C-alpha atoms as a PDB file:
ATOM      1  CA  MET A   1      19.589 -33.165  36.526  1.00  0.00           C
ATOM      2  CA  ARG A   2      15.992 -33.782  35.479  1.00  0.00           C
ATOM      3  CA  THR A   3      14.870 -30.555  37.200  1.00  0.00           C
ATOM      4  CA  ALA A   4      17.505 -28.537  35.331  1.00  0.00           C
ATOM      5  CA  THR A   5      16.326 -29.986  32.009  1.00  0.00           C
ATOM      6  CA  THR A   6      12.710 -29.176  32.830  1.00  0.00           C
ATOM      7  CA  VAL A   7      13.593 -25.625  33.862  1.00  0.00           C
ATOM      8  CA  ALA A   8      15.666 -25.150  30.698  1.00  0.00           C
ATOM      9  CA  SER A   9      12.794 -26.459  28.553  1.00  0.00           C
ATOM     10  CA  VAL A  10      10.278 -24.138  30.215  1.00  0.00           C
ATOM     11  CA  LEU A  11      12.626 -21.170  29.790  1.00  0.00           C
ATOM     12  CA  LEU A  12      13.127 -22.046  26.122  1.00  0.00           C
ATOM     13  CA  VAL A  13       9.356 -22.154  25.538  1.00  0.00           C
ATOM     14  CA  LEU A  14       8.917 -18.830  27.365  1.00  0.00           C
ATOM     15  CA  VAL A  15      11.630 -17.197  25.262  1.00  0.00           C
ATOM     16  CA  MET A  16       9.971 -18.484  22.073  1.00  0.00           C
ATOM     17  CA  LEU A  17       6.559 -17.247  23.182  1.00  0.00           C
ATOM     18  CA  ALA A  18       7.996 -13.855  24.104  1.00  0.00           C
ATOM     19  CA  GLY A  19       9.271 -13.525  20.547  1.00  0.00           C
ATOM     20  CA  CYS A  20       5.825 -14.288  19.127  1.00  0.00           C
ATOM     21  CA  ALA A  21       4.637 -10.695  19.364  1.00  0.00           C
ATOM     22  CA  SER A  22       7.328  -9.662  16.898  1.00  0.00           C
ATOM     23  CA  LEU A  23       5.847 -12.187  14.443  1.00  0.00           C
ATOM     24  CA  ALA A  24       2.423 -10.511  14.565  1.00  0.00           C
ATOM     25  CA  VAL A  25       1.549  -8.952  11.200  1.00  0.00           C
ATOM     26  CA  THR A  26       0.977  -5.198  11.429  1.00  0.00           C
ATOM     27  CA  ARG A  27      -0.577  -2.692   9.022  1.00  0.00           C
ATOM     28  CA  CYS A  28       2.776  -1.142   8.197  1.00  0.00           C
ATOM     29  CA  ASP A  29       4.512  -4.395   7.248  1.00  0.00           C
ATOM     30  CA  THR A  30       5.733  -4.683   3.702  1.00  0.00           C
ATOM     31  CA  ILE A  31       5.018  -7.843   1.718  1.00  0.00           C
ATOM     32  CA  PRO A  32       8.534  -9.252   2.342  1.00  0.00           C
ATOM     33  CA  ASP A  33       8.093  -8.498   6.073  1.00  0.00           C
ATOM     34  CA  ARG A  34       4.771 -10.360   6.125  1.00  0.00           C
ATOM     35  CA  ASP A  35       6.185 -13.309   4.177  1.00  0.00           C
ATOM     36  CA  GLY A  36       9.108 -13.560   6.595  1.00  0.00           C
ATOM     37  CA  LYS A  37       6.793 -13.453   9.598  1.00  0.00           C
ATOM     38  CA  TYR A  38       4.514 -16.190   8.176  1.00  0.00           C
ATOM     39  CA  PHE A  39       7.590 -18.318   7.433  1.00  0.00           C
ATOM     40  CA  GLY A  40       8.880 -17.819  10.982  1.00  0.00           C
ATOM     41  CA  ARG A  41       5.435 -18.478  12.442  1.00  0.00           C
ATOM     42  CA  PHE A  42       5.215 -21.820  10.666  1.00  0.00           C
ATOM     43  CA  PHE A  43       8.469 -23.150  12.093  1.00  0.00           C
ATOM     44  CA  LEU A  44       7.843 -21.649  15.539  1.00  0.00           C
ATOM     45  CA  GLY A  45       4.368 -23.215  15.491  1.00  0.00           C
ATOM     46  CA  VAL A  46       5.838 -26.628  14.710  1.00  0.00           C
ATOM     47  CA  ALA A  47       8.457 -26.234  17.475  1.00  0.00           C
ATOM     48  CA  THR A  48       5.915 -25.140  20.104  1.00  0.00           C
ATOM     49  CA  LEU A  49       3.099 -27.466  18.980  1.00  0.00           C
ATOM     50  CA  GLY A  50       0.931 -24.504  17.977  1.00  0.00           C
ATOM     51  CA  LEU A  51       1.109 -22.594  21.264  1.00  0.00           C
ATOM     52  CA  SER A  52       2.988 -19.731  19.611  1.00  0.00           C
ATOM     53  CA  GLU A  53       0.210 -19.206  17.044  1.00  0.00           C
ATOM     54  CA  VAL A  54      -2.302 -18.531  19.836  1.00  0.00           C
ATOM     55  CA  THR A  55      -0.014 -15.863  21.313  1.00  0.00           C
ATOM     56  CA  ILE A  56       0.582 -14.266  17.907  1.00  0.00           C
ATOM     57  CA  GLN A  57      -3.145 -14.164  17.139  1.00  0.00           C
ATOM     58  CA  GLN A  58      -3.852 -12.552  20.522  1.00  0.00           C
ATOM     59  CA  GLU A  59      -1.276  -9.846  19.691  1.00  0.00           C
ATOM     60  CA  GLU A  60      -2.889  -9.230  16.294  1.00  0.00           C
ATOM     61  CA  VAL A  61      -6.332  -8.898  17.908  1.00  0.00           C
ATOM     62  CA  ARG A  62      -4.927  -6.435  20.450  1.00  0.00           C
ATOM     63  CA  GLN A  63      -3.380  -4.365  17.652  1.00  0.00           C
ATOM     64  CA  ALA A  64      -6.668  -4.386  15.734  1.00  0.00           C
ATOM     65  CA  TYR A  65      -8.553  -3.008  18.757  1.00  0.00           C
ATOM     66  CA  GLU A  66      -5.909  -0.369  19.479  1.00  0.00           C
ATOM     67  CA  GLY A  67      -5.557   0.669  15.860  1.00  0.00           C
ATOM     68  CA  SER A  68      -2.247   1.258  14.190  1.00  0.00           C
ATOM     69  CA  PRO A  69      -0.254   4.437  14.105  1.00  0.00           C
ATOM     70  CA  SER A  70       0.142   6.009  10.706  1.00  0.00           C
ATOM     71  CA  CYS A  71       2.373   4.093   8.351  1.00  0.00           C
ATOM     72  CA  PRO A  72       5.033   6.242   6.724  1.00  0.00           C
ATOM     73  CA  PRO A  73       5.240   6.243   2.922  1.00  0.00           C
ATOM     74  CA  PRO A  74       8.028   4.179   1.381  1.00  0.00           C
ATOM     75  CA  PRO A  75      11.274   6.108   0.874  1.00  0.00           C
ATOM     76  CA  GLY A  76      11.389   8.055  -2.373  1.00  0.00           C
ATOM     77  CA  VAL A  77       7.622   8.037  -2.977  1.00  0.00           C
ATOM     78  CA  ARG A  78       6.110  11.466  -3.578  1.00  0.00           C
ATOM     79  CA  VAL A  79       3.288  12.424  -1.178  1.00  0.00           C
ATOM     80  CA  VAL A  80       0.311  14.183  -2.779  1.00  0.00           C
ATOM     81  CA  SER A  81      -2.496  16.078  -1.024  1.00  0.00           C
ATOM     82  CA  ALA A  82      -6.200  15.779  -1.717  1.00  0.00           C
ATOM     83  CA  SER A  83      -8.222  18.612  -3.228  1.00  0.00           C
ATOM     84  CA  THR A  84     -10.649  17.999  -0.360  1.00  0.00           C
ATOM     85  CA  PRO A  85      -8.736  16.475   2.601  1.00  0.00           C
ATOM     86  CA  SER A  86     -10.412  13.995   4.913  1.00  0.00           C
ATOM     87  CA  PRO A  87     -10.854  15.446   8.424  1.00  0.00           C
ATOM     88  CA  SER A  88     -10.126  12.048  10.013  1.00  0.00           C
ATOM     89  CA  GLY A  89      -7.136  11.262   7.809  1.00  0.00           C
ATOM     90  CA  GLY A  90      -4.298  12.038  10.163  1.00  0.00           C
ATOM     91  CA  GLU A  91      -0.914  11.328   8.633  1.00  0.00           C
ATOM     92  CA  SER A  92      -1.799   8.031   6.960  1.00  0.00           C
ATOM     93  CA  VAL A  93      -1.147   7.530   3.250  1.00  0.00           C
ATOM     94  CA  ALA A  94      -2.253   5.017   0.615  1.00  0.00           C
ATOM     95  CA  VAL A  95       0.448   4.103  -1.861  1.00  0.00           C
ATOM     96  CA  GLY A  96      -1.113   4.173  -5.328  1.00  0.00           C
ATOM     97  CA  THR A  97       0.668   2.635  -8.285  1.00  0.00           C
ATOM     98  CA  LEU A  98      -0.283   4.141 -11.632  1.00  0.00           C
ATOM     99  CA  VAL A  99       0.380   1.781 -14.548  1.00  0.00           C
ATOM    100  CA  ASN A 100       0.199   2.568 -18.264  1.00  0.00           C
ATOM    101  CA  GLY A 101      -1.201  -0.471 -20.056  1.00  0.00           C
ATOM    102  CA  ALA A 102      -1.961   1.510 -23.232  1.00  0.00           C
ATOM    103  CA  PRO A 103       0.253   1.358 -26.354  1.00  0.00           C
ATOM    104  CA  TRP A 104       0.931   5.120 -26.212  1.00  0.00           C
ATOM    105  CA  ALA A 105       2.121   7.563 -23.568  1.00  0.00           C
ATOM    106  CA  VAL A 106      -0.485   8.937 -21.158  1.00  0.00           C
ATOM    107  CA  VAL A 107      -0.365  12.418 -19.625  1.00  0.00           C
ATOM    108  CA  VAL A 108      -1.751  12.365 -16.051  1.00  0.00           C
ATOM    109  CA  TYR A 109      -3.173  15.402 -14.248  1.00  0.00           C
ATOM    110  CA  LEU A 110      -4.033  15.459 -10.549  1.00  0.00           C
ATOM    111  CA  ASN A 111      -6.625  17.816  -9.039  1.00  0.00           C
ATOM    112  CA  GLN A 112      -6.604  20.209 -11.977  1.00  0.00           C
ATOM    113  CA  ASN A 113      -8.331  20.863 -15.279  1.00  0.00           C
ATOM    114  CA  PRO A 114      -5.995  19.960 -18.158  1.00  0.00           C
ATOM    115  CA  ASP A 115      -7.733  22.566 -20.368  1.00  0.00           C
ATOM    116  CA  ALA A 116      -6.950  25.417 -17.962  1.00  0.00           C
ATOM    117  CA  PRO A 117      -4.130  27.719 -19.094  1.00  0.00           C
ATOM    118  CA  GLY A 118      -0.849  26.816 -17.418  1.00  0.00           C
ATOM    119  CA  ALA A 119      -2.056  23.412 -16.148  1.00  0.00           C
ATOM    120  CA  ALA A 120       1.032  21.247 -15.737  1.00  0.00           C
ATOM    121  CA  PRO A 121       0.706  17.460 -15.782  1.00  0.00           C
ATOM    122  CA  LEU A 122       1.628  15.390 -12.769  1.00  0.00           C
ATOM    123  CA  THR A 123       3.542  12.998 -14.996  1.00  0.00           C
ATOM    124  CA  VAL A 124       3.786  11.385 -18.400  1.00  0.00           C
ATOM    125  CA  LEU A 125       3.561   7.596 -18.240  1.00  0.00           C
ATOM    126  CA  PHE A 126       5.146   5.862 -21.201  1.00  0.00           C
ATOM    127  CA  PRO A 127       3.851   2.454 -22.372  1.00  0.00           C
ATOM    128  CA  ALA A 128       4.336  -0.158 -19.609  1.00  0.00           C
ATOM    129  CA  GLY A 129       5.558   2.635 -17.314  1.00  0.00           C
ATOM    130  CA  THR A 130       4.621   2.877 -13.630  1.00  0.00           C
ATOM    131  CA  MET A 131       4.676   5.537 -10.958  1.00  0.00           C
ATOM    132  CA  GLN A 132       4.030   5.318  -7.219  1.00  0.00           C
ATOM    133  CA  LEU A 133       2.410   8.146  -5.274  1.00  0.00           C
ATOM    134  CA  ALA A 134       1.473   8.350  -1.595  1.00  0.00           C
ATOM    135  CA  PHE A 135      -2.086   9.698  -1.415  1.00  0.00           C
ATOM    136  CA  LYS A 136      -3.216  11.392   1.799  1.00  0.00           C
ATOM    137  CA  PRO A 137      -6.863  10.635   2.705  1.00  0.00           C
ATOM    138  CA  GLY A 138      -9.444  12.720   0.888  1.00  0.00           C
ATOM    139  CA  LEU A 139     -10.984  13.402  -2.520  1.00  0.00           C
ATOM    140  CA  TYR A 140      -8.858  13.480  -5.693  1.00  0.00           C
ATOM    141  CA  ARG A 141      -9.620  14.122  -9.343  1.00  0.00           C
ATOM    142  CA  LEU A 142      -7.419  12.187 -11.735  1.00  0.00           C
ATOM    143  CA  VAL A 143      -7.426  13.001 -15.477  1.00  0.00           C
ATOM    144  CA  ALA A 144      -5.475  11.150 -18.180  1.00  0.00           C
ATOM    145  CA  ARG A 145      -5.075  11.807 -21.905  1.00  0.00           C
ATOM    146  CA  PRO A 146      -3.243   9.874 -24.608  1.00  0.00           C
ATOM    147  CA  THR A 147      -0.198  11.603 -26.062  1.00  0.00           C
ATOM    148  CA  GLY A 148       3.019  10.975 -27.957  1.00  0.00           C
ATOM    149  CA  ALA A 149       1.778   9.607 -31.301  1.00  0.00           C
ATOM    150  CA  ALA A 150       1.186  11.123 -34.713  1.00  0.00           C
ATOM    151  CA  ALA A 151      -1.912  13.281 -35.125  1.00  0.00           C
ATOM    152  CA  GLY A 152      -4.931  11.144 -35.922  1.00  0.00           C
ATOM    153  CA  ASP A 153      -3.429   8.003 -34.362  1.00  0.00           C
ATOM    154  CA  LEU A 154      -4.617   8.814 -30.844  1.00  0.00           C
ATOM    155  CA  PRO A 155      -8.151   8.630 -29.519  1.00  0.00           C
ATOM    156  CA  LYS A 156      -9.615  11.999 -28.591  1.00  0.00           C
ATOM    157  CA  VAL A 157     -10.914  10.801 -25.241  1.00  0.00           C
ATOM    158  CA  THR A 158     -10.142  12.108 -21.766  1.00  0.00           C
ATOM    159  CA  TRP A 159     -10.231   9.609 -18.907  1.00  0.00           C
ATOM    160  CA  THR A 160     -11.522  11.247 -15.699  1.00  0.00           C
ATOM    161  CA  ARG A 161     -12.128   9.729 -12.257  1.00  0.00           C
ATOM    162  CA  ASP A 162     -12.860  11.049  -8.796  1.00  0.00           C
ATOM    163  CA  LEU A 163     -11.047   9.008  -6.162  1.00  0.00           C
ATOM    164  CA  GLN A 164     -12.005   8.961  -2.481  1.00  0.00           C
ATOM    165  CA  ILE A 165      -9.045   7.710  -0.444  1.00  0.00           C
ATOM    166  CA  GLU A 166     -10.070   6.527   3.028  1.00  0.00           C
ATOM    167  CA  PRO A 167      -7.652   6.594   6.010  1.00  0.00           C
ATOM    168  CA  ARG A 168      -7.762   2.802   6.376  1.00  0.00           C
ATOM    169  CA  VAL A 169      -6.711   2.163   2.742  1.00  0.00           C
ATOM    170  CA  ARG A 170      -3.083   1.025   2.578  1.00  0.00           C
ATOM    171  CA  GLY A 171      -2.556   0.900  -1.184  1.00  0.00           C
ATOM    172  CA  PHE A 172      -4.044   0.376  -4.625  1.00  0.00           C
ATOM    173  CA  LYS A 173      -3.133  -0.077  -8.272  1.00  0.00           C
ATOM    174  CA  LEU A 174      -4.688   1.870 -11.143  1.00  0.00           C
ATOM    175  CA  THR A 175      -4.019   0.695 -14.704  1.00  0.00           C
ATOM    176  CA  PHE A 176      -4.758   2.837 -17.757  1.00  0.00           C
ATOM    177  CA  ASN A 177      -5.781   0.435 -20.547  1.00  0.00           C
ATOM    178  CA  GLN A 178      -6.367   1.071 -24.237  1.00  0.00           C
ATOM    179  CA  ALA A 179     -10.090   0.308 -23.757  1.00  0.00           C
ATOM    180  CA  ASP A 180     -10.354   3.191 -21.244  1.00  0.00           C
ATOM    181  CA  PHE A 181      -9.739   5.671 -24.049  1.00  0.00           C
ATOM    182  CA  LYS A 182     -12.455   4.584 -26.530  1.00  0.00           C
END
């Protein structure tokens, strides 16, 4: 009977350790996925006296050396291309969240001159509005202008930035504040 209990215990530990690789955090994990994995790792670590954490860390190191395949953009997020694409970009994307922190609407242009005839804006962000875009690696030019208020109430300033998105970047947040337009 004692041998059967020992064998069952060893098999239980092996099954738990085999499941450790699925608790390794990967580049493509969402924040809820990562939180769930850390929660599971804690309880598995307590149950296995820390042995599972060693296995999980070894899996994460292996993934880091191998690199990760491209992470797909979240469903429903528009993918935009760079004006000058990165040759090493592959199919990876960085999810950028544009946030309007200004008290007026902001017209956003991507990779175009807003003064050129026929230039259509990428979007209009209303106060406290947000928009997510999936940026492919490369160089982008982002231009924003205040809009939507009575003449004379808006600053006559154009916000312009060149963004270089690297293949290893997973995401970023860009907030347009009132101070950016002074």
